[in-house]
Protein backbone atom coordinates (compact mmCIF):
# COMPACT_ATOMS: atom_id res chain seq x y z
CA MET A 1 0.12 0.08 -0.02
CA GLY A 2 2.88 2.52 0.81
CA LEU A 3 3.36 5.12 3.39
CA LYS A 4 0.40 7.47 3.92
CA VAL A 5 1.51 11.15 3.28
CA GLY A 6 0.29 13.70 5.89
CA ILE A 7 1.32 16.95 7.13
CA GLN A 8 2.56 18.57 10.36
CA LEU A 9 0.40 21.85 10.78
CA PHE A 10 3.49 23.81 11.86
CA SER A 11 3.73 24.02 8.02
CA VAL A 12 0.97 26.37 7.82
CA ARG A 13 1.07 27.95 11.08
CA ARG A 14 0.60 31.63 9.86
CA SER A 15 -2.46 30.51 7.82
CA LEU A 16 -4.01 28.69 10.67
CA LYS A 17 -3.65 31.67 12.98
CA LYS A 18 -5.66 33.79 10.49
CA GLU A 19 -8.39 31.36 9.38
CA PRO A 20 -8.01 27.99 11.02
CA PHE A 21 -11.01 26.05 9.51
CA GLN A 22 -10.35 27.69 5.92
CA THR A 23 -6.66 26.41 6.02
CA LEU A 24 -7.63 23.03 7.07
CA GLU A 25 -10.14 22.87 3.99
CA LYS A 26 -7.20 24.04 1.83
CA ILE A 27 -4.85 21.37 3.26
CA ALA A 28 -7.67 18.64 2.38
CA LYS A 29 -7.83 20.17 -1.22
CA ALA A 30 -4.10 19.86 -1.80
CA GLY A 31 -4.44 16.08 -1.16
CA TYR A 32 -3.42 15.63 2.58
CA LYS A 33 -5.76 13.41 4.45
CA TYR A 34 -3.80 12.91 7.50
CA ILE A 35 -2.57 15.78 9.80
CA GLU A 36 -0.46 16.08 12.94
CA ALA A 37 -1.11 19.16 15.25
CA ALA A 38 1.31 21.41 16.99
CA ASN A 39 0.09 22.86 20.27
CA HIS A 40 2.56 25.34 21.42
CA ASP A 41 0.18 26.82 24.15
CA ALA A 42 -0.57 23.72 26.08
CA LEU A 43 -0.62 25.45 29.66
CA ASP A 44 -3.85 26.86 28.53
CA ASP A 45 -5.11 25.08 25.32
CA ASP A 46 -6.02 21.40 25.74
CA GLY A 47 -6.09 20.64 22.00
CA VAL A 48 -4.48 21.50 18.92
CA GLY A 49 -3.04 24.97 19.51
CA PHE A 50 -5.40 27.53 17.72
CA GLY A 51 -8.11 27.54 20.45
CA VAL A 52 -10.84 25.35 19.05
CA SER A 53 -12.98 23.08 21.15
CA SER A 54 -12.87 19.21 20.49
CA ARG A 55 -16.34 19.57 19.17
CA GLU A 56 -15.67 22.10 16.54
CA MET A 57 -12.30 20.40 15.61
CA ARG A 58 -13.98 16.87 15.09
CA LYS A 59 -16.70 18.47 13.01
CA ALA A 60 -13.88 19.99 10.93
CA LEU A 61 -12.05 16.87 10.71
CA ASN A 62 -15.26 15.14 9.51
CA ASP A 63 -16.22 17.75 7.07
CA PHE A 64 -12.84 18.03 5.32
CA GLY A 65 -12.26 14.15 5.27
CA LEU A 66 -9.14 14.53 7.54
CA SER A 67 -7.90 12.30 10.38
CA ILE A 68 -5.53 13.47 13.05
CA VAL A 69 -2.63 11.11 13.67
CA GLY A 70 -0.57 12.88 16.36
CA CYS A 71 -0.01 16.16 18.14
CA HIS A 72 3.03 17.88 19.55
CA VAL A 73 2.40 19.23 22.97
CA ASN A 74 4.43 22.09 24.34
CA PRO A 75 5.11 22.67 27.25
CA LEU A 76 4.26 19.06 28.34
CA THR A 77 3.45 18.61 32.09
CA ILE A 78 2.01 15.81 34.16
CA GLU A 79 -0.47 18.35 35.57
CA ARG A 80 -1.82 19.17 32.16
CA LEU A 81 -1.89 15.86 30.58
CA PRO A 82 -5.28 14.29 31.62
CA ALA A 83 -7.04 17.33 30.07
CA ILE A 84 -5.02 17.17 27.15
CA LEU A 85 -5.48 13.55 26.62
CA ASP A 86 -9.14 13.98 27.07
CA TYR A 87 -9.49 16.43 24.20
CA HIS A 88 -7.42 14.24 21.65
CA GLN A 89 -9.51 10.94 22.60
CA GLU A 90 -12.46 13.13 21.86
CA ILE A 91 -11.20 14.02 18.39
CA GLY A 92 -9.79 10.45 17.48
CA ASN A 93 -6.03 11.00 18.14
CA LYS A 94 -4.26 8.09 19.44
CA GLN A 95 -0.90 9.58 20.27
CA ILE A 96 0.93 12.63 21.28
CA GLY A 97 4.51 13.69 21.33
CA CYS A 98 7.38 15.78 22.50
CA ASP A 99 7.74 19.09 20.48
CA ILE A 100 11.37 20.21 21.13
CA GLU A 101 13.89 19.73 24.07
CA PHE A 102 16.88 21.60 25.13
CA TYR A 103 19.54 19.91 27.40
CA PRO A 104 22.32 21.70 29.32
CA TYR A 105 25.25 20.32 27.85
CA ARG A 106 27.22 17.84 30.06
CA ASP A 107 24.29 17.68 32.56
CA MET A 108 23.75 13.82 32.50
CA ASP A 109 21.56 14.03 35.68
CA TYR A 110 19.11 16.29 33.97
CA LEU A 111 18.83 14.28 30.90
CA LEU A 112 18.26 11.04 32.92
CA ARG A 113 15.62 12.71 34.75
CA ARG A 114 13.91 13.92 31.52
CA CYS A 115 14.23 10.16 30.32
CA GLU A 116 12.16 9.18 33.49
CA PHE A 117 9.68 12.00 32.81
CA PHE A 118 9.22 10.58 29.26
CA ASN A 119 8.61 7.13 30.52
CA GLN A 120 5.98 8.52 33.14
CA VAL A 121 4.16 10.35 30.31
CA GLY A 122 4.40 7.14 28.19
CA GLU A 123 2.84 5.36 30.96
CA LEU A 124 -0.15 7.71 31.24
CA CYS A 125 -0.70 7.48 27.55
CA LYS A 126 -0.57 3.72 27.63
CA GLU A 127 -3.22 3.66 30.43
CA ARG A 128 -5.64 5.36 27.96
CA GLY A 129 -4.85 3.30 25.03
CA MET A 130 -2.66 5.85 23.56
CA ARG A 131 1.11 6.35 22.67
CA TYR A 132 3.75 9.05 23.43
CA TYR A 133 6.56 9.69 21.01
CA TYR A 134 9.53 11.59 20.95
CA HIS A 135 10.64 14.07 18.04
CA ASN A 136 14.20 14.99 17.41
CA HIS A 137 16.05 18.00 16.15
CA TYR A 138 19.78 18.48 15.70
CA GLN A 139 20.91 19.13 19.46
CA GLU A 140 20.13 15.41 20.21
CA PHE A 141 23.31 14.56 18.45
CA GLN A 142 25.63 16.28 20.71
CA LYS A 143 27.65 13.85 22.59
CA PHE A 144 28.52 12.90 26.25
CA ASP A 145 31.77 11.43 25.64
CA ASP A 146 31.18 8.83 23.01
CA LYS A 147 27.18 8.65 23.16
CA SER A 148 24.75 11.11 21.61
CA VAL A 149 22.03 12.64 23.44
CA TYR A 150 19.56 10.55 21.22
CA GLU A 151 21.31 7.32 22.13
CA ILE A 152 21.05 7.93 25.71
CA ILE A 153 17.39 8.84 25.53
CA MET A 154 16.87 5.55 23.57
CA GLU A 155 18.72 3.70 26.37
CA ASN A 156 16.99 5.08 29.16
CA THR A 157 13.48 5.15 28.16
CA ASP A 158 11.10 2.00 27.79
CA PRO A 159 10.70 1.07 24.27
CA ASN A 160 6.94 -0.07 25.14
CA LEU A 161 6.17 3.46 26.57
CA VAL A 162 8.38 6.06 24.44
CA PHE A 163 8.10 5.88 20.89
CA ILE A 164 9.79 8.01 18.19
CA GLU A 165 9.06 10.42 15.46
CA MET A 166 12.18 11.01 13.31
CA ASP A 167 12.73 14.10 11.60
CA THR A 168 15.15 13.12 8.88
CA TYR A 169 16.15 16.58 7.93
CA TRP A 170 17.38 17.36 11.64
CA ILE A 171 19.14 13.98 11.96
CA MET A 172 21.17 14.91 8.83
CA ARG A 173 21.92 18.39 10.14
CA GLY A 174 23.03 16.99 13.40
CA GLY A 175 25.66 15.08 11.36
CA GLU A 176 24.06 11.58 11.52
CA ASP A 177 22.67 9.30 8.63
CA PRO A 178 18.99 9.33 8.84
CA ILE A 179 18.92 5.86 6.94
CA LYS A 180 21.06 4.07 9.50
CA LEU A 181 19.04 5.67 12.45
CA MET A 182 16.01 4.40 11.17
CA GLU A 183 17.33 1.00 10.64
CA LYS A 184 18.60 0.90 14.20
CA TYR A 185 15.31 2.02 15.93
CA LYS A 186 12.77 0.89 13.44
CA ASP A 187 10.85 -1.01 15.94
CA ARG A 188 10.10 2.11 17.81
CA LEU A 189 9.34 4.40 14.81
CA VAL A 190 5.74 5.33 14.51
CA LEU A 191 5.88 8.76 12.52
CA LEU A 192 8.31 10.26 10.03
CA HIS A 193 8.94 13.95 9.39
CA GLN A 194 10.31 14.99 5.96
CA LYS A 195 11.51 18.24 4.54
CA ASP A 196 14.26 19.04 2.04
CA PHE A 197 17.66 20.79 1.93
CA PRO A 198 18.33 23.10 -1.08
CA LYS A 199 21.04 22.34 -3.52
CA GLU A 200 22.44 25.89 -2.91
CA SER A 201 22.32 26.79 0.88
CA PRO A 202 23.93 29.68 2.81
CA GLN A 203 24.98 27.07 5.32
CA PRO A 204 26.67 23.76 5.38
CA ILE A 205 24.48 20.70 5.84
CA VAL A 206 25.89 19.91 9.24
CA MET A 207 25.05 22.64 11.89
CA TYR A 208 28.42 21.68 13.88
CA ASN A 209 30.45 22.43 10.91
CA GLY A 210 31.03 25.99 11.50
CA ILE A 211 27.55 27.14 12.44
CA ILE A 212 27.67 26.20 16.08
CA ASP A 213 30.09 24.59 18.48
CA ALA A 214 29.05 21.01 19.18
CA ASN A 215 29.98 21.50 22.72
CA ARG A 216 27.87 24.60 23.36
CA GLU A 217 24.71 24.56 25.27
CA ILE A 218 21.72 25.07 22.75
CA THR A 219 18.97 27.21 24.06
CA TYR A 220 15.72 27.89 22.07
CA PRO A 221 16.67 31.33 21.32
CA LEU A 222 20.08 30.16 19.80
CA PHE A 223 18.29 27.40 18.02
CA GLU A 224 16.01 29.96 16.41
CA GLU A 225 19.00 32.43 15.59
CA THR A 226 21.01 29.77 13.93
CA LYS A 227 18.17 28.19 11.96
CA ASN A 228 18.37 29.98 8.61
CA PRO A 229 14.98 29.97 6.55
CA LEU A 230 16.84 29.62 3.23
CA CYS A 231 18.00 26.16 4.34
CA PHE A 232 14.43 24.57 3.68
CA ILE A 233 12.95 23.88 0.43
CA GLU A 234 9.92 21.85 -0.92
CA VAL A 235 9.89 18.06 -0.96
CA GLY A 236 11.49 16.62 -4.12
CA THR A 237 13.45 19.80 -4.97
CA GLY A 238 16.54 19.51 -2.98
CA ILE A 239 19.14 17.04 -2.05
CA MET A 240 17.90 14.76 0.45
CA PRO A 241 17.72 10.98 -0.21
CA ILE A 242 13.99 10.77 -0.05
CA GLN A 243 13.47 7.76 -2.08
CA GLU A 244 16.07 6.08 0.04
CA ILE A 245 14.25 7.17 3.28
CA ILE A 246 10.97 6.03 2.05
CA ASN A 247 12.57 2.63 1.04
CA THR A 248 13.84 2.33 4.62
CA ALA A 249 10.88 3.62 6.20
CA ALA A 250 8.75 0.66 4.61
CA LYS A 251 10.66 -1.80 6.61
CA ALA A 252 9.66 -0.01 10.04
CA PRO A 253 6.83 -2.35 11.45
CA ASN A 254 4.90 0.37 13.41
CA LEU A 255 5.11 3.25 10.79
CA GLU A 256 2.25 4.37 8.66
CA TYR A 257 2.82 7.92 7.97
CA ILE A 258 5.33 10.28 6.41
CA LEU A 259 4.57 13.78 7.30
CA LEU A 260 5.56 17.05 5.62
CA GLU A 261 7.03 19.70 7.95
CA GLN A 262 7.93 22.75 6.19
CA ASP A 263 9.65 25.00 8.78
CA HIS A 264 10.06 27.96 6.34
CA THR A 265 9.31 28.46 2.77
CA GLN A 266 9.95 31.39 0.18
CA LEU A 267 6.48 30.61 -1.13
CA ASN A 268 3.07 31.31 0.12
CA GLU A 269 2.41 28.61 2.73
CA ILE A 270 -0.66 26.84 0.80
CA GLU A 271 1.51 27.01 -2.47
CA SER A 272 4.35 25.34 -0.59
CA ILE A 273 2.58 22.39 0.74
CA GLN A 274 0.89 21.92 -2.67
CA GLN A 275 4.20 21.77 -4.21
CA SER A 276 5.63 19.26 -1.65
CA MET A 277 2.66 17.09 -2.03
CA LYS A 278 3.45 17.01 -5.89
CA GLY A 279 6.93 16.13 -4.91
CA PHE A 280 5.76 13.29 -2.65
CA GLN A 281 3.72 11.85 -5.56
CA LYS A 282 6.92 11.35 -7.62
CA TYR A 283 8.44 8.72 -5.16
CA THR A 284 7.45 4.94 -5.08
CA GLY A 285 6.29 3.55 -1.83
CA VAL A 286 3.91 6.31 -0.77
CA GLU A 287 -0.04 6.31 -1.15
CA LYS A 288 -1.01 8.28 -4.11
CA LYS A 289 -3.54 10.96 -3.49
């Protein structure tokens, strides 16, 4: 059948802020059937991040023929988790994920405490018949001696409680091979993020090659400051080995969805996601719209 092509709503965040329901309709018209939300206001918003009730969201999904397959929750706290899980169960979402994490470099105690927190979140999700997953950026590929932060997370979280959503772009920009990492952790892989890197770019591919010191503590402001918008391009127009990524993803037993996440674009957001959908359709191993 092939991987199902979906979209992380962060790709159209400006459009959603202006006109949420019209934007969901445009997403559906572009050929996307599966969405992952991004709630960056989880202290106040139980849901998908743009202030709509579960009833309104469920109706919109039904009206536009969309299914929700995940949601980033930020900040993620134990206290807020019951209300958030209630909302997502009401709209048919079976899994939530970690949005972005920043670790003080060389603070292993903090990292291990976060791993225990992830296990706790995973257990609470499992009790509801849901799943919790971890999403990476490039900072997880900083190292404590000979191990990356990512490896330490994988080793210190329960594979039955903490699953993973790999962002192949950020793995590559962290200096790792996304193909090899997908093969290594294929049993825990439940969602895949895909974007593309331009043939001509103002930065080298690997962030640690002259952009930022691999030993430096990476904070959110620093992450935003060093993330160049010109280093993102629509799927199928750059240099990432997307066909090989899809071929490898097909071997992951728990993976159904490959999701566009367009952090930045030089196009209109809707034009950008339309172009990426056309790009996805060029590859074998994906479900055709």
